[in-house]
Amino acid sequence: MKRATLIKIHLYLSAIFAPFLFLMAFTGTSYLMGFKGNADKKVVETFEVDTEITEAYVRAELARIDPGYSFEYTKKSADGLFTRPTTRDYYQFERLDRQIIVKKVSPNFLLKIIEIHKGHGPGFLKFVEKILGIGLILILISGIWLALTVKRDKKITLVLMLGGFLVLLTLAML
């Protein structure tokens, strides 16, 4: 492949994936700095029952409570289940002794995009995120390859990559 073609591929992929990469960097940094978003939780119903909270139970109760609501699957929590995706309003079923408390959870914008970053969005979005990951790998490989094919940049590229690898290895050992 010609160098000019590889440069174009690298630049086009970078341009396409730049907004996604920015979103991932922004949400990851926000989360690590303690800005994790907020959610408004509203108790919808409380039941006095002695039954297991299963996905079938959640589906049956939500069909009664909110017939228009749909979800892809449930996820276990320490004391119950919640519906997914969590990038939009979702329901949480919690057990407290002999009670089941049903809450409707409304995440704010920051929490929604952090949930996207974590892969907790709809199935199609997860598919897009997999493509994003492959795209980013291709961008990195093509960028490294392009840098290594420039004689004056080859040595510094290798030194910086080695430095980055050593920093990563050191951090991983902590």
N, C-alpha and C. Protein backbone atom coordinates (compact mmCIF):
# COMPACT_ATOMS: atom_id res chain seq x y z
N MET A 1 0.84 -1.18 0.00
CA MET A 1 0.00 0.00 0.00
C MET A 1 0.89 1.24 0.00
N LYS A 2 0.51 2.22 -0.78
CA LYS A 2 1.28 3.45 -0.86
C LYS A 2 1.14 4.26 0.42
N ARG A 3 2.19 4.97 0.77
CA ARG A 3 2.21 5.79 1.98
C ARG A 3 1.08 6.83 1.95
N ALA A 4 0.87 7.46 0.81
CA ALA A 4 -0.18 8.49 0.70
C ALA A 4 -1.56 7.89 0.98
N THR A 5 -1.80 6.67 0.52
CA THR A 5 -3.09 6.00 0.76
C THR A 5 -3.25 5.69 2.25
N LEU A 6 -2.17 5.21 2.88
CA LEU A 6 -2.22 4.89 4.30
C LEU A 6 -2.46 6.16 5.13
N ILE A 7 -1.85 7.26 4.72
CA ILE A 7 -2.07 8.53 5.43
C ILE A 7 -3.54 8.93 5.32
N LYS A 8 -4.12 8.82 4.14
CA LYS A 8 -5.53 9.17 3.97
C LYS A 8 -6.43 8.27 4.82
N ILE A 9 -6.16 6.97 4.81
CA ILE A 9 -6.95 6.04 5.62
C ILE A 9 -6.84 6.42 7.10
N HIS A 10 -5.62 6.67 7.54
CA HIS A 10 -5.38 7.05 8.93
C HIS A 10 -6.14 8.33 9.28
N LEU A 11 -6.05 9.34 8.43
CA LEU A 11 -6.72 10.62 8.69
C LEU A 11 -8.24 10.48 8.66
N TYR A 12 -8.77 9.74 7.71
CA TYR A 12 -10.23 9.57 7.61
C TYR A 12 -10.77 8.80 8.81
N LEU A 13 -10.09 7.71 9.18
CA LEU A 13 -10.52 6.97 10.37
C LEU A 13 -10.44 7.85 11.62
N SER A 14 -9.38 8.62 11.73
CA SER A 14 -9.21 9.51 12.88
C SER A 14 -10.34 10.53 12.94
N ALA A 15 -10.69 11.09 11.79
CA ALA A 15 -11.76 12.09 11.75
C ALA A 15 -13.11 11.49 12.13
N ILE A 16 -13.38 10.29 11.65
CA ILE A 16 -14.65 9.63 11.95
C ILE A 16 -14.75 9.32 13.44
N PHE A 17 -13.68 8.80 14.02
CA PHE A 17 -13.73 8.32 15.40
C PHE A 17 -13.34 9.37 16.44
N ALA A 18 -12.91 10.56 16.02
CA ALA A 18 -12.51 11.60 16.97
C ALA A 18 -13.62 11.97 17.96
N PRO A 19 -14.87 12.15 17.53
CA PRO A 19 -15.91 12.48 18.52
C PRO A 19 -16.11 11.36 19.55
N PHE A 20 -16.05 10.11 19.12
CA PHE A 20 -16.19 8.99 20.05
C PHE A 20 -15.02 8.94 21.02
N LEU A 21 -13.81 9.16 20.49
CA LEU A 21 -12.63 9.15 21.33
C LEU A 21 -12.69 10.28 22.35
N PHE A 22 -13.15 11.46 21.91
CA PHE A 22 -13.31 12.58 22.83
C PHE A 22 -14.30 12.23 23.93
N LEU A 23 -15.43 11.63 23.56
CA LEU A 23 -16.44 11.23 24.55
C LEU A 23 -15.86 10.25 25.57
N MET A 24 -15.11 9.26 25.09
CA MET A 24 -14.52 8.27 25.99
C MET A 24 -13.50 8.93 26.93
N ALA A 25 -12.68 9.83 26.39
CA ALA A 25 -11.69 10.52 27.23
C ALA A 25 -12.38 11.42 28.26
N PHE A 26 -13.40 12.14 27.82
CA PHE A 26 -14.13 13.05 28.71
C PHE A 26 -14.82 12.28 29.84
N THR A 27 -15.55 11.22 29.49
CA THR A 27 -16.29 10.49 30.52
C THR A 27 -15.35 9.73 31.46
N GLY A 28 -14.30 9.14 30.90
CA GLY A 28 -13.34 8.43 31.75
C GLY A 28 -12.65 9.37 32.73
N THR A 29 -12.23 10.53 32.24
CA THR A 29 -11.57 11.51 33.10
C THR A 29 -12.54 12.05 34.14
N SER A 30 -13.76 12.37 33.73
CA SER A 30 -14.77 12.87 34.67
C SER A 30 -15.00 11.86 35.78
N TYR A 31 -15.17 10.61 35.41
CA TYR A 31 -15.43 9.54 36.38
C TYR A 31 -14.27 9.41 37.37
N LEU A 32 -13.04 9.40 36.87
CA LEU A 32 -11.88 9.25 37.74
C LEU A 32 -11.65 10.46 38.64
N MET A 33 -12.15 11.63 38.20
CA MET A 33 -12.02 12.84 39.02
C MET A 33 -13.17 13.00 40.01
N GLY A 34 -14.08 12.01 40.03
CA GLY A 34 -15.16 12.02 41.01
C GLY A 34 -16.48 12.59 40.50
N PHE A 35 -16.51 13.01 39.25
CA PHE A 35 -17.76 13.51 38.66
C PHE A 35 -18.43 12.34 37.96
N LYS A 36 -19.33 11.68 38.67
CA LYS A 36 -19.90 10.43 38.16
C LYS A 36 -21.34 10.58 37.71
N GLY A 37 -21.87 11.78 37.76
CA GLY A 37 -23.25 11.99 37.36
C GLY A 37 -24.20 11.67 38.50
N ASN A 38 -25.45 12.00 38.29
CA ASN A 38 -26.48 11.78 39.31
C ASN A 38 -27.69 11.12 38.68
N ALA A 39 -28.49 10.53 39.53
CA ALA A 39 -29.74 9.93 39.07
C ALA A 39 -30.84 10.28 40.06
N ASP A 40 -31.99 10.61 39.51
CA ASP A 40 -33.17 10.87 40.33
C ASP A 40 -33.88 9.53 40.51
N LYS A 41 -34.04 9.10 41.76
CA LYS A 41 -34.70 7.83 42.05
C LYS A 41 -36.05 8.10 42.71
N LYS A 42 -37.08 7.53 42.11
CA LYS A 42 -38.44 7.74 42.61
C LYS A 42 -39.07 6.38 42.91
N VAL A 43 -39.53 6.19 44.14
CA VAL A 43 -40.20 4.94 44.51
C VAL A 43 -41.54 4.89 43.80
N VAL A 44 -41.74 3.81 43.04
CA VAL A 44 -42.97 3.64 42.28
C VAL A 44 -43.96 2.77 43.04
N GLU A 45 -43.47 1.67 43.59
CA GLU A 45 -44.32 0.75 44.35
C GLU A 45 -43.49 0.01 45.39
N THR A 46 -44.19 -0.48 46.40
CA THR A 46 -43.58 -1.32 47.43
C THR A 46 -44.50 -2.52 47.62
N PHE A 47 -43.92 -3.71 47.61
CA PHE A 47 -44.70 -4.95 47.76
C PHE A 47 -44.28 -5.67 49.02
N GLU A 48 -45.23 -6.25 49.71
CA GLU A 48 -44.97 -7.13 50.85
C GLU A 48 -45.09 -8.56 50.33
N VAL A 49 -44.02 -9.09 49.79
CA VAL A 49 -44.03 -10.45 49.26
C VAL A 49 -42.76 -11.18 49.67
N ASP A 50 -42.84 -12.46 49.63
CA ASP A 50 -41.68 -13.28 49.96
C ASP A 50 -41.33 -14.13 48.74
N THR A 51 -40.94 -13.46 47.68
CA THR A 51 -40.61 -14.15 46.44
C THR A 51 -39.25 -13.70 45.93
N GLU A 52 -38.64 -14.52 45.12
CA GLU A 52 -37.36 -14.16 44.51
C GLU A 52 -37.59 -13.07 43.47
N ILE A 53 -36.62 -12.18 43.34
CA ILE A 53 -36.69 -11.18 42.28
C ILE A 53 -35.95 -11.78 41.08
N THR A 54 -36.72 -12.20 40.09
CA THR A 54 -36.17 -12.79 38.87
C THR A 54 -36.51 -11.89 37.69
N GLU A 55 -35.90 -12.16 36.55
CA GLU A 55 -36.22 -11.38 35.36
C GLU A 55 -37.68 -11.56 34.97
N ALA A 56 -38.19 -12.77 35.11
CA ALA A 56 -39.60 -13.02 34.80
C ALA A 56 -40.52 -12.21 35.72
N TYR A 57 -40.16 -12.15 36.99
CA TYR A 57 -40.94 -11.36 37.96
C TYR A 57 -40.90 -9.88 37.57
N VAL A 58 -39.71 -9.39 37.23
CA VAL A 58 -39.54 -7.98 36.85
C VAL A 58 -40.37 -7.67 35.60
N ARG A 59 -40.31 -8.56 34.60
CA ARG A 59 -41.09 -8.35 33.37
C ARG A 59 -42.58 -8.29 33.66
N ALA A 60 -43.07 -9.20 34.50
CA ALA A 60 -44.50 -9.24 34.84
C ALA A 60 -44.92 -7.97 35.57
N GLU A 61 -44.13 -7.56 36.55
CA GLU A 61 -44.49 -6.36 37.32
C GLU A 61 -44.41 -5.10 36.46
N LEU A 62 -43.40 -5.00 35.61
CA LEU A 62 -43.29 -3.81 34.76
C LEU A 62 -44.39 -3.75 33.70
N ALA A 63 -44.86 -4.91 33.25
CA ALA A 63 -45.97 -4.93 32.29
C ALA A 63 -47.22 -4.33 32.94
N ARG A 64 -47.34 -4.51 34.26
CA ARG A 64 -48.47 -3.96 35.00
C ARG A 64 -48.24 -2.49 35.38
N ILE A 65 -47.02 -2.19 35.86
CA ILE A 65 -46.71 -0.84 36.36
C ILE A 65 -46.58 0.17 35.22
N ASP A 66 -45.82 -0.20 34.18
CA ASP A 66 -45.52 0.71 33.07
C ASP A 66 -45.58 -0.08 31.77
N PRO A 67 -46.78 -0.32 31.24
CA PRO A 67 -46.96 -1.19 30.07
C PRO A 67 -46.15 -0.78 28.83
N GLY A 68 -45.86 0.49 28.67
CA GLY A 68 -45.12 0.95 27.50
C GLY A 68 -43.60 0.84 27.63
N TYR A 69 -43.14 0.48 28.82
CA TYR A 69 -41.69 0.42 29.06
C TYR A 69 -41.11 -0.88 28.50
N SER A 70 -39.95 -0.76 27.85
CA SER A 70 -39.27 -1.97 27.37
C SER A 70 -37.80 -1.91 27.78
N PHE A 71 -37.23 -3.06 27.95
CA PHE A 71 -35.81 -3.15 28.32
C PHE A 71 -35.24 -4.40 27.66
N GLU A 72 -33.91 -4.45 27.59
CA GLU A 72 -33.26 -5.56 26.91
C GLU A 72 -33.00 -6.75 27.83
N TYR A 73 -32.56 -6.47 29.05
CA TYR A 73 -32.26 -7.54 30.00
C TYR A 73 -32.16 -6.95 31.40
N THR A 74 -32.00 -7.81 32.40
CA THR A 74 -31.82 -7.34 33.77
C THR A 74 -30.40 -7.66 34.23
N LYS A 75 -29.97 -6.94 35.23
CA LYS A 75 -28.65 -7.14 35.81
C LYS A 75 -28.83 -7.25 37.32
N LYS A 76 -28.14 -8.22 37.93
CA LYS A 76 -28.23 -8.40 39.38
C LYS A 76 -27.46 -7.28 40.09
N SER A 77 -28.01 -6.87 41.20
CA SER A 77 -27.30 -5.95 42.09
C SER A 77 -27.20 -6.64 43.45
N ALA A 78 -26.62 -5.98 44.40
CA ALA A 78 -26.41 -6.60 45.72
C ALA A 78 -27.73 -7.03 46.37
N ASP A 79 -28.78 -6.25 46.14
CA ASP A 79 -30.04 -6.55 46.83
C ASP A 79 -31.23 -6.68 45.88
N GLY A 80 -30.99 -6.95 44.60
CA GLY A 80 -32.11 -7.11 43.67
C GLY A 80 -31.68 -7.15 42.22
N LEU A 81 -32.49 -6.53 41.38
CA LEU A 81 -32.23 -6.47 39.93
C LEU A 81 -32.53 -5.07 39.43
N PHE A 82 -31.91 -4.72 38.30
CA PHE A 82 -32.29 -3.49 37.61
C PHE A 82 -32.29 -3.77 36.12
N THR A 83 -33.05 -2.97 35.39
CA THR A 83 -33.19 -3.19 33.96
C THR A 83 -32.08 -2.47 33.22
N ARG A 84 -31.78 -2.99 32.04
CA ARG A 84 -30.78 -2.38 31.17
C ARG A 84 -31.41 -2.13 29.83
N PRO A 85 -31.06 -1.13 29.08
CA PRO A 85 -29.91 -0.25 29.27
C PRO A 85 -30.16 0.80 30.36
N THR A 86 -29.05 1.26 30.96
CA THR A 86 -29.13 2.28 31.99
C THR A 86 -28.73 3.65 31.43
N THR A 87 -28.75 3.78 30.12
CA THR A 87 -28.46 5.05 29.47
C THR A 87 -29.74 5.87 29.29
N ARG A 88 -30.82 5.36 29.80
CA ARG A 88 -32.11 6.07 29.79
C ARG A 88 -32.82 5.70 31.09
N ASP A 89 -34.04 6.19 31.28
CA ASP A 89 -34.76 5.82 32.50
C ASP A 89 -34.86 4.30 32.60
N TYR A 90 -34.64 3.81 33.80
CA TYR A 90 -34.73 2.37 34.03
C TYR A 90 -35.34 2.10 35.40
N TYR A 91 -35.61 0.83 35.65
CA TYR A 91 -36.23 0.45 36.92
C TYR A 91 -35.28 -0.39 37.75
N GLN A 92 -35.39 -0.20 39.06
CA GLN A 92 -34.58 -0.92 40.02
C GLN A 92 -35.54 -1.65 40.98
N PHE A 93 -35.31 -2.94 41.16
CA PHE A 93 -36.10 -3.73 42.11
C PHE A 93 -35.16 -4.14 43.24
N GLU A 94 -35.48 -3.67 44.45
CA GLU A 94 -34.63 -3.96 45.61
C GLU A 94 -35.41 -4.73 46.66
N ARG A 95 -34.73 -5.67 47.30
CA ARG A 95 -35.34 -6.41 48.41
C ARG A 95 -34.84 -5.81 49.71
N LEU A 96 -35.80 -5.53 50.59
CA LEU A 96 -35.50 -5.05 51.93
C LEU A 96 -36.35 -5.88 52.88
N ASP A 97 -35.74 -6.87 53.51
CA ASP A 97 -36.44 -7.84 54.35
C ASP A 97 -37.51 -8.55 53.52
N ARG A 98 -38.79 -8.37 53.86
CA ARG A 98 -39.88 -9.03 53.13
C ARG A 98 -40.53 -8.09 52.11
N GLN A 99 -39.90 -6.96 51.87
CA GLN A 99 -40.45 -5.99 50.92
C GLN A 99 -39.63 -5.95 49.64
N ILE A 100 -40.33 -5.67 48.55
CA ILE A 100 -39.66 -5.37 47.29
C ILE A 100 -40.01 -3.93 46.94
N ILE A 101 -38.99 -3.12 46.79
CA ILE A 101 -39.18 -1.70 46.49
C ILE A 101 -38.82 -1.50 45.02
N VAL A 102 -39.75 -0.93 44.26
CA VAL A 102 -39.54 -0.65 42.84
C VAL A 102 -39.29 0.84 42.69
N LYS A 103 -38.14 1.18 42.09
CA LYS A 103 -37.79 2.59 41.87
C LYS A 103 -37.60 2.84 40.38
N LYS A 104 -38.05 4.00 39.95
CA LYS A 104 -37.75 4.45 38.60
C LYS A 104 -36.56 5.38 38.70
N VAL A 105 -35.50 5.07 37.94
CA VAL A 105 -34.26 5.81 38.02
C VAL A 105 -34.10 6.62 36.73
N SER A 106 -33.88 7.93 36.90
CA SER A 106 -33.69 8.83 35.76
C SER A 106 -32.29 9.43 35.84
N PRO A 107 -31.34 8.91 35.04
CA PRO A 107 -29.97 9.43 35.09
C PRO A 107 -29.86 10.78 34.39
N ASN A 108 -28.95 11.64 34.89
CA ASN A 108 -28.71 12.91 34.20
C ASN A 108 -27.78 12.67 33.01
N PHE A 109 -27.50 13.71 32.24
CA PHE A 109 -26.73 13.56 31.00
C PHE A 109 -25.34 12.97 31.25
N LEU A 110 -24.62 13.47 32.26
CA LEU A 110 -23.28 12.96 32.53
C LEU A 110 -23.32 11.47 32.86
N LEU A 111 -24.25 11.07 33.69
CA LEU A 111 -24.36 9.65 34.04
C LEU A 111 -24.71 8.81 32.81
N LYS A 112 -25.57 9.33 31.94
CA LYS A 112 -25.92 8.60 30.72
C LYS A 112 -24.71 8.35 29.84
N ILE A 113 -23.87 9.39 29.65
CA ILE A 113 -22.71 9.18 28.77
C ILE A 113 -21.64 8.34 29.45
N ILE A 114 -21.56 8.38 30.77
CA ILE A 114 -20.65 7.47 31.47
C ILE A 114 -21.13 6.03 31.32
N GLU A 115 -22.43 5.82 31.38
CA GLU A 115 -22.99 4.48 31.16
C GLU A 115 -22.69 4.00 29.73
N ILE A 116 -22.72 4.90 28.76
CA ILE A 116 -22.33 4.53 27.39
C ILE A 116 -20.88 4.07 27.39
N HIS A 117 -20.01 4.85 28.05
CA HIS A 117 -18.59 4.51 28.13
C HIS A 117 -18.39 3.12 28.73
N LYS A 118 -19.17 2.78 29.74
CA LYS A 118 -19.04 1.49 30.41
C LYS A 118 -19.65 0.34 29.61
N GLY A 119 -20.34 0.65 28.51
CA GLY A 119 -20.94 -0.41 27.70
C GLY A 119 -22.30 -0.84 28.19
N HIS A 120 -23.00 0.04 28.93
CA HIS A 120 -24.30 -0.30 29.49
C HIS A 120 -25.46 0.23 28.66
N GLY A 121 -25.18 0.56 27.40
CA GLY A 121 -26.23 1.09 26.53
C GLY A 121 -26.97 -0.02 25.81
N PRO A 122 -27.83 0.37 24.88
CA PRO A 122 -28.58 -0.61 24.08
C PRO A 122 -27.64 -1.50 23.27
N GLY A 123 -28.14 -2.66 22.86
CA GLY A 123 -27.34 -3.62 22.11
C GLY A 123 -26.70 -3.04 20.87
N PHE A 124 -27.44 -2.22 20.12
CA PHE A 124 -26.87 -1.63 18.90
C PHE A 124 -25.69 -0.72 19.23
N LEU A 125 -25.81 0.03 20.32
CA LEU A 125 -24.72 0.91 20.73
C LEU A 125 -23.49 0.10 21.12
N LYS A 126 -23.69 -1.05 21.75
CA LYS A 126 -22.56 -1.92 22.08
C LYS A 126 -21.86 -2.38 20.80
N PHE A 127 -22.64 -2.68 19.77
CA PHE A 127 -22.08 -3.07 18.47
C PHE A 127 -21.25 -1.93 17.90
N VAL A 128 -21.77 -0.70 17.97
CA VAL A 128 -21.04 0.48 17.48
C VAL A 128 -19.75 0.66 18.28
N GLU A 129 -19.81 0.43 19.58
CA GLU A 129 -18.61 0.57 20.42
C GLU A 129 -17.55 -0.47 20.06
N LYS A 130 -17.96 -1.65 19.64
CA LYS A 130 -17.00 -2.66 19.19
C LYS A 130 -16.32 -2.20 17.91
N ILE A 131 -17.09 -1.61 17.01
CA ILE A 131 -16.51 -1.06 15.78
C ILE A 131 -15.56 0.08 16.12
N LEU A 132 -15.96 0.91 17.09
CA LEU A 132 -15.09 1.99 17.56
C LEU A 132 -13.76 1.43 18.06
N GLY A 133 -13.81 0.38 18.86
CA GLY A 133 -12.57 -0.22 19.37
C GLY A 133 -11.67 -0.71 18.25
N ILE A 134 -12.26 -1.38 17.28
CA ILE A 134 -11.47 -1.87 16.13
C ILE A 134 -10.90 -0.68 15.36
N GLY A 135 -11.72 0.36 15.16
CA GLY A 135 -11.25 1.55 14.46
C GLY A 135 -10.09 2.21 15.18
N LEU A 136 -10.18 2.30 16.50
CA LEU A 136 -9.09 2.92 17.26
C LEU A 136 -7.81 2.10 17.18
N ILE A 137 -7.95 0.79 17.19
CA ILE A 137 -6.76 -0.07 17.04
C ILE A 137 -6.12 0.16 15.67
N LEU A 138 -6.95 0.25 14.64
CA LEU A 138 -6.42 0.51 13.29
C LEU A 138 -5.77 1.88 13.20
N ILE A 139 -6.34 2.87 13.85
CA ILE A 139 -5.75 4.22 13.86
C ILE A 139 -4.38 4.18 14.54
N LEU A 140 -4.30 3.48 15.67
CA LEU A 140 -3.01 3.39 16.37
C LEU A 140 -1.96 2.65 15.55
N ILE A 141 -2.36 1.54 14.98
CA ILE A 141 -1.41 0.75 14.17
C ILE A 141 -0.93 1.56 12.98
N SER A 142 -1.86 2.20 12.28
CA SER A 142 -1.46 2.97 11.09
C SER A 142 -0.61 4.17 11.49
N GLY A 143 -0.93 4.81 12.62
CA GLY A 143 -0.13 5.95 13.08
C GLY A 143 1.28 5.54 13.45
N ILE A 144 1.40 4.42 14.15
CA ILE A 144 2.74 3.92 14.51
C ILE A 144 3.51 3.54 13.26
N TRP A 145 2.83 2.85 12.35
CA TRP A 145 3.49 2.44 11.10
C TRP A 145 3.96 3.65 10.32
N LEU A 146 3.12 4.66 10.22
CA LEU A 146 3.51 5.88 9.49
C LEU A 146 4.69 6.57 10.16
N ALA A 147 4.67 6.65 11.49
CA ALA A 147 5.78 7.29 12.21
C ALA A 147 7.08 6.51 12.03
N LEU A 148 6.98 5.18 12.00
CA LEU A 148 8.19 4.36 11.86
C LEU A 148 8.76 4.38 10.43
N THR A 149 7.97 4.79 9.47
CA THR A 149 8.47 4.84 8.09
C THR A 149 9.13 6.17 7.76
N VAL A 150 9.15 7.11 8.70
CA VAL A 150 9.85 8.38 8.52
C VAL A 150 11.20 8.24 9.23
N LYS A 151 12.28 8.27 8.46
CA LYS A 151 13.61 8.01 9.03
C LYS A 151 13.94 8.92 10.21
N ARG A 152 13.66 10.21 10.09
CA ARG A 152 14.04 11.14 11.17
C ARG A 152 13.20 10.93 12.43
N ASP A 153 11.99 10.34 12.31
CA ASP A 153 11.11 10.14 13.46
C ASP A 153 11.15 8.72 14.02
N LYS A 154 11.82 7.81 13.32
CA LYS A 154 11.79 6.41 13.72
C LYS A 154 12.36 6.21 15.13
N LYS A 155 13.53 6.78 15.37
CA LYS A 155 14.20 6.57 16.65
C LYS A 155 13.39 7.16 17.81
N ILE A 156 12.93 8.39 17.68
CA ILE A 156 12.17 9.02 18.77
C ILE A 156 10.84 8.31 18.99
N THR A 157 10.24 7.83 17.90
CA THR A 157 8.99 7.08 18.03
C THR A 157 9.22 5.82 18.86
N LEU A 158 10.26 5.10 18.55
CA LEU A 158 10.57 3.87 19.29
C LEU A 158 10.90 4.16 20.76
N VAL A 159 11.67 5.22 21.01
CA VAL A 159 12.04 5.59 22.38
C VAL A 159 10.78 5.97 23.18
N LEU A 160 9.91 6.80 22.57
CA LEU A 160 8.70 7.23 23.27
C LEU A 160 7.75 6.06 23.51
N MET A 161 7.62 5.16 22.53
CA MET A 161 6.77 3.98 22.72
C MET A 161 7.32 3.10 23.83
N LEU A 162 8.61 2.92 23.88
CA LEU A 162 9.23 2.13 24.94
C LEU A 162 8.98 2.80 26.29
N GLY A 163 9.13 4.13 26.35
CA GLY A 163 8.86 4.86 27.59
C GLY A 163 7.41 4.68 28.03
N GLY A 164 6.49 4.80 27.09
CA GLY A 164 5.07 4.61 27.40
C GLY A 164 4.80 3.20 27.89
N PHE A 165 5.42 2.22 27.25
CA PHE A 165 5.24 0.82 27.65
C PHE A 165 5.78 0.60 29.07
N LEU A 166 6.94 1.20 29.38
CA LEU A 166 7.53 1.04 30.71
C LEU A 166 6.67 1.70 31.79
N VAL A 167 6.11 2.87 31.47
CA VAL A 167 5.21 3.53 32.42
C VAL A 167 3.98 2.66 32.67
N LEU A 168 3.40 2.12 31.59
CA LEU A 168 2.23 1.25 31.72
C LEU A 168 2.56 0.00 32.54
N LEU A 169 3.71 -0.61 32.25
CA LEU A 169 4.13 -1.80 32.98
C LEU A 169 4.35 -1.49 34.46
N THR A 170 4.97 -0.36 34.75
CA THR A 170 5.21 0.05 36.14
C THR A 170 3.89 0.26 36.87
N LEU A 171 2.96 0.97 36.22
CA LEU A 171 1.66 1.21 36.85
C LEU A 171 0.88 -0.08 37.07
N ALA A 172 1.02 -1.01 36.14
CA ALA A 172 0.32 -2.29 36.26
C ALA A 172 0.87 -3.13 37.41
N MET A 173 2.12 -2.92 37.77
CA MET A 173 2.76 -3.68 38.83
C MET A 173 2.43 -3.13 40.22
N LEU A 174 1.89 -1.92 40.31
CA LEU A 174 1.59 -1.30 41.62
C LEU A 174 0.49 -2.03 42.34
